[in-house]
Structure formats: structure tokens, C-alpha cells
Amino acid sequence: LAVLDRVGLSIYQFEAAPTRSDTATAQDAGRQAELATR
């Protein structure tokens, strides 16, 4: 994910999704976003 602001450009990568059960209908805990570079 690339995000722009008036100062610069940030690139984020995210953790992989947690393992789902076959009946899962929503995400578990929120993914962690890591600032890969700015």
C-alpha cells in the first residue's frame, strides 16, 4: 500500500491473514501494518 501526504510517500506491508475456519465470516484481530519505507 502506497499512501501520499504533503510531506512524502509511505509504503506499507501487512501481515498475512490469520487462519480462518470454514465458517468464519469476519476478520479476527486487526492486521498489523509495517511501515516498509518512507
PDB file of all heavy atoms in Angstrom:
ATOM      1  N   LEU A   1       0.841  -1.195   0.000  1.00  0.00           N
ATOM      2  CA  LEU A   1       0.000   0.000   0.000  1.00  0.00           C
ATOM      3  C   LEU A   1       0.875   1.242   0.000  1.00  0.00           C
ATOM      4  O   LEU A   1       1.756   1.392   0.847  1.00  0.00           O
ATOM      5  CB  LEU A   1      -0.906   0.015   1.232  1.00  0.00           C
ATOM      6  CG  LEU A   1      -1.719   1.298   1.471  1.00  0.00           C
ATOM      7  CD1 LEU A   1      -2.702   1.532   0.331  1.00  0.00           C
ATOM      8  CD2 LEU A   1      -2.437   1.232   2.807  1.00  0.00           C
ATOM      9  N   ALA A   2       0.621   2.129  -0.959  1.00  0.00           N
ATOM     10  CA  ALA A   2       1.305   3.421  -1.026  1.00  0.00           C
ATOM     11  C   ALA A   2       0.337   4.506  -0.577  1.00  0.00           C
ATOM     12  O   ALA A   2      -0.813   4.545  -1.017  1.00  0.00           O
ATOM     13  CB  ALA A   2       1.774   3.694  -2.459  1.00  0.00           C
ATOM     14  N   VAL A   3       0.805   5.380   0.321  1.00  0.00           N
ATOM     15  CA  VAL A   3      -0.015   6.462   0.859  1.00  0.00           C
ATOM     16  C   VAL A   3       0.749   7.775   0.696  1.00  0.00           C
ATOM     17  O   VAL A   3       1.903   7.883   1.099  1.00  0.00           O
ATOM     18  CB  VAL A   3      -0.351   6.247   2.348  1.00  0.00           C
ATOM     19  CG1 VAL A   3      -1.272   7.356   2.850  1.00  0.00           C
ATOM     20  CG2 VAL A   3      -0.989   4.874   2.567  1.00  0.00           C
ATOM     21  N   LEU A   4       0.083   8.757   0.136  1.00  0.00           N
ATOM     22  CA  LEU A   4       0.706  10.052  -0.120  1.00  0.00           C
ATOM     23  C   LEU A   4       0.213  11.089   0.872  1.00  0.00           C
ATOM     24  O   LEU A   4      -0.945  11.066   1.308  1.00  0.00           O
ATOM     25  CB  LEU A   4       0.354  10.505  -1.534  1.00  0.00           C
ATOM     26  CG  LEU A   4       1.148  11.681  -2.135  1.00  0.00           C
ATOM     27  CD1 LEU A   4       2.602  11.298  -2.345  1.00  0.00           C
ATOM     28  CD2 LEU A   4       0.518  12.091  -3.468  1.00  0.00           C
ATOM     29  N   ASP A   5       1.118  11.981   1.273  1.00  0.00           N
ATOM     30  CA  ASP A   5       0.718  13.175   2.004  1.00  0.00           C
ATOM     31  C   ASP A   5       1.534  14.344   1.483  1.00  0.00           C
ATOM     32  O   ASP A   5       2.248  14.222   0.486  1.00  0.00           O
ATOM     33  CB  ASP A   5       0.846  12.995   3.520  1.00  0.00           C
ATOM     34  CG  ASP A   5       2.283  12.747   3.984  1.00  0.00           C
ATOM     35  OD1 ASP A   5       3.231  13.053   3.229  1.00  0.00           O
ATOM     36  OD2 ASP A   5       2.459  12.248   5.103  1.00  0.00           O
ATOM     37  N   ARG A   6       1.433  15.497   2.144  1.00  0.00           N
ATOM     38  CA  ARG A   6       2.122  16.688   1.660  1.00  0.00           C
ATOM     39  C   ARG A   6       3.605  16.688   1.979  1.00  0.00           C
ATOM     40  O   ARG A   6       4.325  17.602   1.588  1.00  0.00           O
ATOM     41  CB  ARG A   6       1.468  17.934   2.258  1.00  0.00           C
ATOM     42  CG  ARG A   6       0.009  18.091   1.911  1.00  0.00           C
ATOM     43  CD  ARG A   6      -0.200  18.375   0.446  1.00  0.00           C
ATOM     44  NE  ARG A   6       0.350  19.655   0.049  1.00  0.00           N
ATOM     45  CZ  ARG A   6       0.453  20.084  -1.201  1.00  0.00           C
ATOM     46  NH1 ARG A   6       0.070  19.292  -2.176  1.00  0.00           N
ATOM     47  NH2 ARG A   6       0.946  21.258  -1.481  1.00  0.00           N
ATOM     48  N   VAL A   7       4.059  15.677   2.670  1.00  0.00           N
ATOM     49  CA  VAL A   7       5.466  15.593   3.045  1.00  0.00           C
ATOM     50  C   VAL A   7       6.180  14.491   2.276  1.00  0.00           C
ATOM     51  O   VAL A   7       7.341  14.631   1.910  1.00  0.00           O
ATOM     52  CB  VAL A   7       5.611  15.355   4.567  1.00  0.00           C
ATOM     53  CG1 VAL A   7       7.072  15.228   4.956  1.00  0.00           C
ATOM     54  CG2 VAL A   7       4.950  16.496   5.340  1.00  0.00           C
ATOM     55  N   GLY A   8       5.508  13.398   2.023  1.00  0.00           N
ATOM     56  CA  GLY A   8       6.196  12.319   1.355  1.00  0.00           C
ATOM     57  C   GLY A   8       5.288  11.158   1.018  1.00  0.00           C
ATOM     58  O   GLY A   8       4.060  11.262   1.018  1.00  0.00           O
ATOM     59  N   LEU A   9       5.921  10.048   0.738  1.00  0.00           N
ATOM     60  CA  LEU A   9       5.252   8.834   0.307  1.00  0.00           C
ATOM     61  C   LEU A   9       5.621   7.706   1.256  1.00  0.00           C
ATOM     62  O   LEU A   9       6.802   7.461   1.506  1.00  0.00           O
ATOM     63  CB  LEU A   9       5.684   8.479  -1.113  1.00  0.00           C
ATOM     64  CG  LEU A   9       5.111   7.209  -1.734  1.00  0.00           C
ATOM     65  CD1 LEU A   9       3.634   7.397  -2.031  1.00  0.00           C
ATOM     66  CD2 LEU A   9       5.870   6.869  -3.014  1.00  0.00           C
ATOM     67  N   SER A  10       4.626   7.028   1.801  1.00  0.00           N
ATOM     68  CA  SER A  10       4.844   5.907   2.702  1.00  0.00           C
ATOM     69  C   SER A  10       4.390   4.621   2.030  1.00  0.00           C
ATOM     70  O   SER A  10       3.354   4.588   1.365  1.00  0.00           O
ATOM     71  CB  SER A  10       4.067   6.098   4.011  1.00  0.00           C
ATOM     72  OG  SER A  10       4.513   7.237   4.702  1.00  0.00           O
ATOM     73  N   ILE A  11       5.156   3.561   2.211  1.00  0.00           N
ATOM     74  CA  ILE A  11       4.811   2.247   1.688  1.00  0.00           C
ATOM     75  C   ILE A  11       4.618   1.302   2.868  1.00  0.00           C
ATOM     76  O   ILE A  11       5.474   1.216   3.752  1.00  0.00           O
ATOM     77  CB  ILE A  11       5.916   1.689   0.770  1.00  0.00           C
ATOM     78  CG1 ILE A  11       6.233   2.664  -0.355  1.00  0.00           C
ATOM     79  CG2 ILE A  11       5.503   0.330   0.213  1.00  0.00           C
ATOM     80  CD1 ILE A  11       5.112   2.876  -1.335  1.00  0.00           C
ATOM     81  N   TYR A  12       3.485   0.598   2.885  1.00  0.00           N
ATOM     82  CA  TYR A  12       3.160  -0.314   3.979  1.00  0.00           C
ATOM     83  C   TYR A  12       3.012  -1.730   3.454  1.00  0.00           C
ATOM     84  O   TYR A  12       2.514  -1.956   2.348  1.00  0.00           O
ATOM     85  CB  TYR A  12       1.844   0.091   4.654  1.00  0.00           C
ATOM     86  CG  TYR A  12       1.902   1.412   5.364  1.00  0.00           C
ATOM     87  CD1 TYR A  12       1.592   2.592   4.696  1.00  0.00           C
ATOM     88  CD2 TYR A  12       2.263   1.487   6.703  1.00  0.00           C
ATOM     89  CE1 TYR A  12       1.633   3.811   5.347  1.00  0.00           C
ATOM     90  CE2 TYR A  12       2.307   2.707   7.360  1.00  0.00           C
ATOM     91  CZ  TYR A  12       2.000   3.863   6.678  1.00  0.00           C
ATOM     92  OH  TYR A  12       2.048   5.080   7.317  1.00  0.00           O
ATOM     93  N   GLN A  13       3.453  -2.689   4.276  1.00  0.00           N
ATOM     94  CA  GLN A  13       3.109  -4.077   4.029  1.00  0.00           C
ATOM     95  C   GLN A  13       2.402  -4.614   5.267  1.00  0.00           C
ATOM     96  O   GLN A  13       2.610  -4.118   6.377  1.00  0.00           O
ATOM     97  CB  GLN A  13       4.336  -4.911   3.686  1.00  0.00           C
ATOM     98  CG  GLN A  13       5.361  -5.070   4.792  1.00  0.00           C
ATOM     99  CD  GLN A  13       6.558  -5.866   4.333  1.00  0.00           C
ATOM    100  OE1 GLN A  13       7.211  -5.513   3.353  1.00  0.00           O
ATOM    101  NE2 GLN A  13       6.840  -6.951   5.036  1.00  0.00           N
ATOM    102  N   PHE A  14       1.561  -5.619   5.065  1.00  0.00           N
ATOM    103  CA  PHE A  14       0.689  -6.108   6.119  1.00  0.00           C
ATOM    104  C   PHE A  14       0.969  -7.576   6.404  1.00  0.00           C
ATOM    105  O   PHE A  14       1.408  -8.327   5.536  1.00  0.00           O
ATOM    106  CB  PHE A  14      -0.782  -5.933   5.717  1.00  0.00           C
ATOM    107  CG  PHE A  14      -1.230  -4.504   5.697  1.00  0.00           C
ATOM    108  CD1 PHE A  14      -0.872  -3.669   4.648  1.00  0.00           C
ATOM    109  CD2 PHE A  14      -1.994  -3.986   6.722  1.00  0.00           C
ATOM    110  CE1 PHE A  14      -1.273  -2.346   4.622  1.00  0.00           C
ATOM    111  CE2 PHE A  14      -2.397  -2.659   6.709  1.00  0.00           C
ATOM    112  CZ  PHE A  14      -2.039  -1.841   5.666  1.00  0.00           C
ATOM    113  N   GLU A  15       0.684  -7.949   7.643  1.00  0.00           N
ATOM    114  CA  GLU A  15       0.755  -9.351   7.997  1.00  0.00           C
ATOM    115  C   GLU A  15      -0.225 -10.159   7.159  1.00  0.00           C
ATOM    116  O   GLU A  15      -1.256  -9.647   6.717  1.00  0.00           O
ATOM    117  CB  GLU A  15       0.395  -9.550   9.480  1.00  0.00           C
ATOM    118  CG  GLU A  15       1.414  -8.993  10.453  1.00  0.00           C
ATOM    119  CD  GLU A  15       0.966  -9.203  11.886  1.00  0.00           C
ATOM    120  OE1 GLU A  15      -0.189  -9.641  12.079  1.00  0.00           O
ATOM    121  OE2 GLU A  15       1.753  -8.932  12.788  1.00  0.00           O
ATOM    122  N   ALA A  16       0.092 -11.425   6.976  1.00  0.00           N
ATOM    123  CA  ALA A  16      -0.857 -12.307   6.310  1.00  0.00           C
ATOM    124  C   ALA A  16      -2.085 -12.489   7.179  1.00  0.00           C
ATOM    125  O   ALA A  16      -2.041 -12.351   8.405  1.00  0.00           O
ATOM    126  CB  ALA A  16      -0.207 -13.659   6.033  1.00  0.00           C
ATOM    127  N   ALA A  17      -3.208 -12.812   6.538  1.00  0.00           N
ATOM    128  CA  ALA A  17      -4.444 -13.015   7.277  1.00  0.00           C
ATOM    129  C   ALA A  17      -4.305 -14.204   8.216  1.00  0.00           C
ATOM    130  O   ALA A  17      -3.654 -15.194   7.897  1.00  0.00           O
ATOM    131  CB  ALA A  17      -5.592 -13.271   6.305  1.00  0.00           C
ATOM    132  N   PRO A  18      -4.920 -14.136   9.382  1.00  0.00           N
ATOM    133  CA  PRO A  18      -4.914 -15.287  10.275  1.00  0.00           C
ATOM    134  C   PRO A  18      -5.689 -16.443   9.659  1.00  0.00           C
ATOM    135  O   PRO A  18      -6.547 -16.246   8.799  1.00  0.00           O
ATOM    136  CB  PRO A  18      -5.620 -14.765  11.534  1.00  0.00           C
ATOM    137  CG  PRO A  18      -6.457 -13.635  11.058  1.00  0.00           C
ATOM    138  CD  PRO A  18      -5.681 -13.009   9.936  1.00  0.00           C
ATOM    139  N   THR A  19      -5.360 -17.656  10.094  1.00  0.00           N
ATOM    140  CA  THR A  19      -6.048 -18.833   9.581  1.00  0.00           C
ATOM    141  C   THR A  19      -7.530 -18.755   9.900  1.00  0.00           C
ATOM    142  O   THR A  19      -7.931 -18.457  11.017  1.00  0.00           O
ATOM    143  CB  THR A  19      -5.458 -20.106  10.192  1.00  0.00           C
ATOM    144  OG1 THR A  19      -4.066 -20.156   9.900  1.00  0.00           O
ATOM    145  CG2 THR A  19      -6.144 -21.344   9.629  1.00  0.00           C
ATOM    146  N   ARG A  20      -8.364 -19.042   8.887  1.00  0.00           N
ATOM    147  CA  ARG A  20      -9.808 -18.963   9.067  1.00  0.00           C
ATOM    148  C   ARG A  20     -10.387 -20.360   9.274  1.00  0.00           C
ATOM    149  O   ARG A  20      -9.893 -21.343   8.741  1.00  0.00           O
ATOM    150  CB  ARG A  20     -10.488 -18.386   7.822  1.00  0.00           C
ATOM    151  CG  ARG A  20     -10.159 -16.961   7.516  1.00  0.00           C
ATOM    152  CD  ARG A  20     -10.849 -16.610   6.205  1.00  0.00           C
ATOM    153  NE  ARG A  20     -10.544 -15.261   5.794  1.00  0.00           N
ATOM    154  CZ  ARG A  20     -11.198 -14.196   6.203  1.00  0.00           C
ATOM    155  NH1 ARG A  20     -12.170 -14.320   7.048  1.00  0.00           N
ATOM    156  NH2 ARG A  20     -10.867 -12.998   5.769  1.00  0.00           N
ATOM    157  N   SER A  21     -11.455 -20.464   9.997  1.00  0.00           N
ATOM    158  CA  SER A  21     -12.262 -21.674   9.973  1.00  0.00           C
ATOM    159  C   SER A  21     -13.205 -21.589   8.790  1.00  0.00           C
ATOM    160  O   SER A  21     -13.416 -20.519   8.212  1.00  0.00           O
ATOM    161  CB  SER A  21     -13.071 -21.804  11.268  1.00  0.00           C
ATOM    162  OG  SER A  21     -14.072 -20.806  11.315  1.00  0.00           O
ATOM    163  N   ASP A  22     -13.762 -22.702   8.388  1.00  0.00           N
ATOM    164  CA  ASP A  22     -14.657 -22.708   7.237  1.00  0.00           C
ATOM    165  C   ASP A  22     -15.886 -21.846   7.460  1.00  0.00           C
ATOM    166  O   ASP A  22     -16.530 -21.416   6.507  1.00  0.00           O
ATOM    167  CB  ASP A  22     -15.087 -24.139   6.922  1.00  0.00           C
ATOM    168  CG  ASP A  22     -13.936 -24.968   6.380  1.00  0.00           C
ATOM    169  OD1 ASP A  22     -12.949 -24.372   5.918  1.00  0.00           O
ATOM    170  OD2 ASP A  22     -14.047 -26.206   6.446  1.00  0.00           O
ATOM    171  N   THR A  23     -16.221 -21.612   8.718  1.00  0.00           N
ATOM    172  CA  THR A  23     -17.434 -20.837   8.998  1.00  0.00           C
ATOM    173  C   THR A  23     -17.138 -19.392   9.334  1.00  0.00           C
ATOM    174  O   THR A  23     -18.040 -18.636   9.659  1.00  0.00           O
ATOM    175  CB  THR A  23     -18.192 -21.474  10.180  1.00  0.00           C
ATOM    176  OG1 THR A  23     -17.331 -21.511  11.328  1.00  0.00           O
ATOM    177  CG2 THR A  23     -18.622 -22.900   9.828  1.00  0.00           C
ATOM    178  N   ALA A  24     -15.847 -19.002   9.271  1.00  0.00           N
ATOM    179  CA  ALA A  24     -15.501 -17.620   9.620  1.00  0.00           C
ATOM    180  C   ALA A  24     -16.149 -16.659   8.633  1.00  0.00           C
ATOM    181  O   ALA A  24     -16.150 -16.892   7.442  1.00  0.00           O
ATOM    182  CB  ALA A  24     -13.993 -17.430   9.610  1.00  0.00           C
ATOM    183  N   THR A  25     -16.700 -15.587   9.166  1.00  0.00           N
ATOM    184  CA  THR A  25     -17.346 -14.593   8.307  1.00  0.00           C
ATOM    185  C   THR A  25     -16.774 -13.200   8.500  1.00  0.00           C
ATOM    186  O   THR A  25     -17.186 -12.270   7.837  1.00  0.00           O
ATOM    187  CB  THR A  25     -18.857 -14.529   8.588  1.00  0.00           C
ATOM    188  OG1 THR A  25     -19.071 -14.211   9.962  1.00  0.00           O
ATOM    189  CG2 THR A  25     -19.512 -15.854   8.259  1.00  0.00           C
ATOM    190  N   ALA A  26     -15.836 -13.051   9.416  1.00  0.00           N
ATOM    191  CA  ALA A  26     -15.233 -11.734   9.627  1.00  0.00           C
ATOM    192  C   ALA A  26     -13.792 -11.926  10.054  1.00  0.00           C
ATOM    193  O   ALA A  26     -13.381 -13.007  10.469  1.00  0.00           O
ATOM    194  CB  ALA A  26     -15.995 -10.949  10.702  1.00  0.00           C
ATOM    195  N   GLN A  27     -13.007 -10.878   9.932  1.00  0.00           N
ATOM    196  CA  GLN A  27     -11.609 -10.965  10.313  1.00  0.00           C
ATOM    197  C   GLN A  27     -11.477 -11.174  11.815  1.00  0.00           C
ATOM    198  O   GLN A  27     -12.328 -10.757  12.594  1.00  0.00           O
ATOM    199  CB  GLN A  27     -10.877  -9.673   9.914  1.00  0.00           C
ATOM    200  CG  GLN A  27     -10.944  -9.367   8.440  1.00  0.00           C
ATOM    201  CD  GLN A  27     -10.112 -10.332   7.598  1.00  0.00           C
ATOM    202  OE1 GLN A  27      -9.536 -11.273   8.127  1.00  0.00           O
ATOM    203  NE2 GLN A  27     -10.071 -10.111   6.310  1.00  0.00           N
ATOM    204  N   ASP A  28     -10.401 -11.833  12.201  1.00  0.00           N
ATOM    205  CA  ASP A  28     -10.072 -11.925  13.611  1.00  0.00           C
ATOM    206  C   ASP A  28      -9.449 -10.599  14.022  1.00  0.00           C
ATOM    207  O   ASP A  28      -9.849  -9.552  13.542  1.00  0.00           O
ATOM    208  CB  ASP A  28      -9.115 -13.097  13.844  1.00  0.00           C
ATOM    209  CG  ASP A  28      -9.773 -14.419  13.472  1.00  0.00           C
ATOM    210  OD1 ASP A  28     -11.011 -14.525  13.633  1.00  0.00           O
ATOM    211  OD2 ASP A  28      -9.061 -15.304  13.016  1.00  0.00           O
ATOM    212  N   ALA A  29      -8.442 -10.611  14.854  1.00  0.00           N
ATOM    213  CA  ALA A  29      -7.811  -9.358  15.268  1.00  0.00           C
ATOM    214  C   ALA A  29      -7.280  -8.619  14.047  1.00  0.00           C
ATOM    215  O   ALA A  29      -6.919  -9.223  13.044  1.00  0.00           O
ATOM    216  CB  ALA A  29      -6.679  -9.655  16.234  1.00  0.00           C
ATOM    217  N   GLY A  30      -7.235  -7.284  14.140  1.00  0.00           N
ATOM    218  CA  GLY A  30      -6.791  -6.470  13.016  1.00  0.00           C
ATOM    219  C   GLY A  30      -5.377  -6.796  12.596  1.00  0.00           C
ATOM    220  O   GLY A  30      -4.524  -7.141  13.399  1.00  0.00           O
ATOM    221  N   ARG A  31      -5.105  -6.726  11.297  1.00  0.00           N
ATOM    222  CA  ARG A  31      -3.757  -6.968  10.800  1.00  0.00           C
ATOM    223  C   ARG A  31      -2.804  -5.894  11.311  1.00  0.00           C
ATOM    224  O   ARG A  31      -3.198  -4.751  11.504  1.00  0.00           O
ATOM    225  CB  ARG A  31      -3.746  -6.935   9.275  1.00  0.00           C
ATOM    226  CG  ARG A  31      -4.778  -7.798   8.619  1.00  0.00           C
ATOM    227  CD  ARG A  31      -4.465  -9.290   8.810  1.00  0.00           C
ATOM    228  NE  ARG A  31      -5.532 -10.043   8.188  1.00  0.00           N
ATOM    229  CZ  ARG A  31      -6.631 -10.404   8.820  1.00  0.00           C
ATOM    230  NH1 ARG A  31      -6.801 -10.108  10.094  1.00  0.00           N
ATOM    231  NH2 ARG A  31      -7.568 -11.065   8.185  1.00  0.00           N
ATOM    232  N   GLN A  32      -1.568  -6.252  11.451  1.00  0.00           N
ATOM    233  CA  GLN A  32      -0.543  -5.267  11.764  1.00  0.00           C
ATOM    234  C   GLN A  32       0.008  -4.690  10.468  1.00  0.00           C
ATOM    235  O   GLN A  32       0.260  -5.417   9.509  1.00  0.00           O
ATOM    236  CB  GLN A  32       0.598  -5.909  12.565  1.00  0.00           C
ATOM    237  CG  GLN A  32       0.212  -6.296  13.979  1.00  0.00           C
ATOM    238  CD  GLN A  32      -0.022  -5.078  14.852  1.00  0.00           C
ATOM    239  OE1 GLN A  32       0.763  -4.146  14.865  1.00  0.00           O
ATOM    240  NE2 GLN A  32      -1.121  -5.083  15.575  1.00  0.00           N
ATOM    241  N   ALA A  33       0.174  -3.404  10.431  1.00  0.00           N
ATOM    242  CA  ALA A  33       0.769  -2.738   9.284  1.00  0.00           C
ATOM    243  C   ALA A  33       2.192  -2.354   9.627  1.00  0.00           C
ATOM    244  O   ALA A  33       2.445  -1.766  10.678  1.00  0.00           O
ATOM    245  CB  ALA A  33      -0.026  -1.495   8.922  1.00  0.00           C
ATOM    246  N   GLU A  34       3.130  -2.694   8.772  1.00  0.00           N
ATOM    247  CA  GLU A  34       4.513  -2.307   8.977  1.00  0.00           C
ATOM    248  C   GLU A  34       4.887  -1.249   7.956  1.00  0.00           C
ATOM    249  O   GLU A  34       4.591  -1.383   6.769  1.00  0.00           O
ATOM    250  CB  GLU A  34       5.425  -3.526   8.843  1.00  0.00           C
ATOM    251  CG  GLU A  34       5.212  -4.566   9.938  1.00  0.00           C
ATOM    252  CD  GLU A  34       6.207  -5.702   9.853  1.00  0.00           C
ATOM    253  OE1 GLU A  34       6.793  -5.887   8.771  1.00  0.00           O
ATOM    254  OE2 GLU A  34       6.399  -6.387  10.861  1.00  0.00           O
ATOM    255  N   LEU A  35       5.502  -0.194   8.420  1.00  0.00           N
ATOM    256  CA  LEU A  35       5.981   0.850   7.518  1.00  0.00           C
ATOM    257  C   LEU A  35       7.233   0.326   6.841  1.00  0.00           C
ATOM    258  O   LEU A  35       8.308   0.287   7.426  1.00  0.00           O
ATOM    259  CB  LEU A  35       6.276   2.129   8.298  1.00  0.00           C
ATOM    260  CG  LEU A  35       6.836   3.296   7.491  1.00  0.00           C
ATOM    261  CD1 LEU A  35       5.856   3.708   6.396  1.00  0.00           C
ATOM    262  CD2 LEU A  35       7.124   4.483   8.405  1.00  0.00           C
ATOM    263  N   ALA A  36       7.072  -0.134   5.607  1.00  0.00           N
ATOM    264  CA  ALA A  36       8.199  -0.719   4.894  1.00  0.00           C
ATOM    265  C   ALA A  36       9.251   0.335   4.556  1.00  0.00           C
ATOM    266  O   ALA A  36      10.444   0.093   4.653  1.00  0.00           O
ATOM    267  CB  ALA A  36       7.707  -1.399   3.617  1.00  0.00           C
ATOM    268  N   THR A  37       8.811   1.505   4.180  1.00  0.00           N
ATOM    269  CA  THR A  37       9.739   2.584   3.882  1.00  0.00           C
ATOM    270  C   THR A  37       8.964   3.890   3.751  1.00  0.00           C
ATOM    271  O   THR A  37       7.753   3.890   3.558  1.00  0.00           O
ATOM    272  CB  THR A  37      10.513   2.330   2.578  1.00  0.00           C
ATOM    273  OG1 THR A  37      11.503   3.334   2.393  1.00  0.00           O
ATOM    274  CG2 THR A  37       9.599   2.316   1.382  1.00  0.00           C
ATOM    275  N   ARG A  38       9.644   4.985   3.898  1.00  0.00           N
ATOM    276  CA  ARG A  38       9.045   6.301   3.685  1.00  0.00           C
ATOM    277  C   ARG A  38      10.043   7.184   2.980  1.00  0.00           C
ATOM    278  O   ARG A  38      11.216   7.233   3.358  1.00  0.00           O
ATOM    279  CB  ARG A  38       8.612   6.945   4.999  1.00  0.00           C
ATOM    280  CG  ARG A  38       8.013   8.341   4.810  1.00  0.00           C
ATOM    281  CD  ARG A  38       7.372   8.854   6.082  1.00  0.00           C
ATOM    282  NE  ARG A  38       6.931  10.225   5.950  1.00  0.00           N
ATOM    283  CZ  ARG A  38       5.792  10.604   5.380  1.00  0.00           C
ATOM    284  NH1 ARG A  38       4.982   9.695   4.889  1.00  0.00           N
ATOM    285  NH2 ARG A  38       5.442  11.867   5.309  1.00  0.00           N
TER     286      ARG A  38
END
